[in-house]
Amino acid sequence: MDMNMEFVRKLPTPKELKEQHPVSKEIQQLKESRDEVIRNIMEGKDNRLLLVIGPCSADHEDPVLEYISRLQKVQEKVADKIFIVPRIYTNKPRTIGKGYKGMFSQPDPEKKEDLLKGIIAIRSLHMRAASECGFTCADEMLYPENHRYLSDLLSYVAVGARSVENQMHRLTASGVGIPVGMKNPTGGDLTVLMNSVEAAQSGHTFNYRGWEVTTPGNPLTHVIMRGWVDKFGRNVANYHYEDLREVQALYKDRGLQNPGIIVDCNHSNSGKKYKEQIRISKDVMHSCHVSEDIRKMVKGLMIESYLEDGAQKVDEHIYGKSITDPCLGWKKTEKLIYDLADMWE
């Protein structure tokens, strides 16, 4: 025996899945137009605020789509100031490997893992968001080899704090063709963070899904500031003016393309106190008012938000309430988006 693994079944390749569940011409055109807007924001040609917002994890299709349909109505009212990219996060990292791993692994959070159903479920959810609500969305690239299952639907990808040092994440990010946000590692090391951005902005040759591939480098790779945890387990924020200035200097030292920051208002920046996201996002707006340089570099915000405030256990069944990290409820979210539109100049 050379490995202690049970090979359960062979999953369809991304190419096979895309052929079985193809995107329409309308969705293709929608993605192209939205990708262009986001690229222009990252390159500084469009001054709107990028708002990557939505549930911590996409747990059930119906409440996620209801949430996104509400976002659509708000987007229409703030279109001159804010460009919204909904979070449909279908993979969830688990620090100790236990708990709900996302719709990709468990399409039903109360049943055991079923990856075949999962890859079909996440593709269906992203397709419905596009066809019914006019949104191409963001997801986390937790497993780089799975990115191609959704690559014709996504407009934004984040690499998480635990993945950002991983070579395969960096190499894959260099060839995905859409903006990739690299989160600072959980320990907060900004040198590691900038190494990750630089690696992904460079071209590479490597083994991807059994193929030798080459990539041109991704000039839209950028920084996500999400706070960090010190050696005593305490959350330390890094969204303040001084933190943004420090990243600005690091970008300049390295001569990287399209210097940009997205501030993650939850996680260690808020200590997972979800209501703090309101204050933190407005604090970032204030930093942008103080400094024109900061204003040019801050491309957007990331906010965890759902239909209901807070979080619940999987078996509580409150519609539209997070089963992972606590989220900002809809009423507070809607007001916050309008407030941010008023503050963004």
Foldseek 3Di string as FASTA:
>chain_A
DPDPDDPPDDADALVVLCVVVPADPQLLVLLVVLLVVQVCLLQLNQLAAEEAEEAPEQQALVQRLVFLLVVLVLCVVLVNHYDYAYEHEAAQDDPVPDADGGLCQPVHRVDGGDNNVSLNVVQVSLSCSCPVRVHQHEYEPDDLLCCSNCLSRHQEYEYDQCCLLPPSVLQSLLASAHAYEYEHHQQRDVVSRVVSQVSQQDWDWDAHPNDTDIGHHDLRYEYEYEFHAHPVRATGHQLALVNLVVQVVVCVVVVGHSQAYEYELADSNPVLPQVSSLVSLVNNLVSCVVDVVSSSHYRYYYFHEWQDFFADDSPPPDRTAHNPGTHHHDVVVSVSVVVVSVSRD
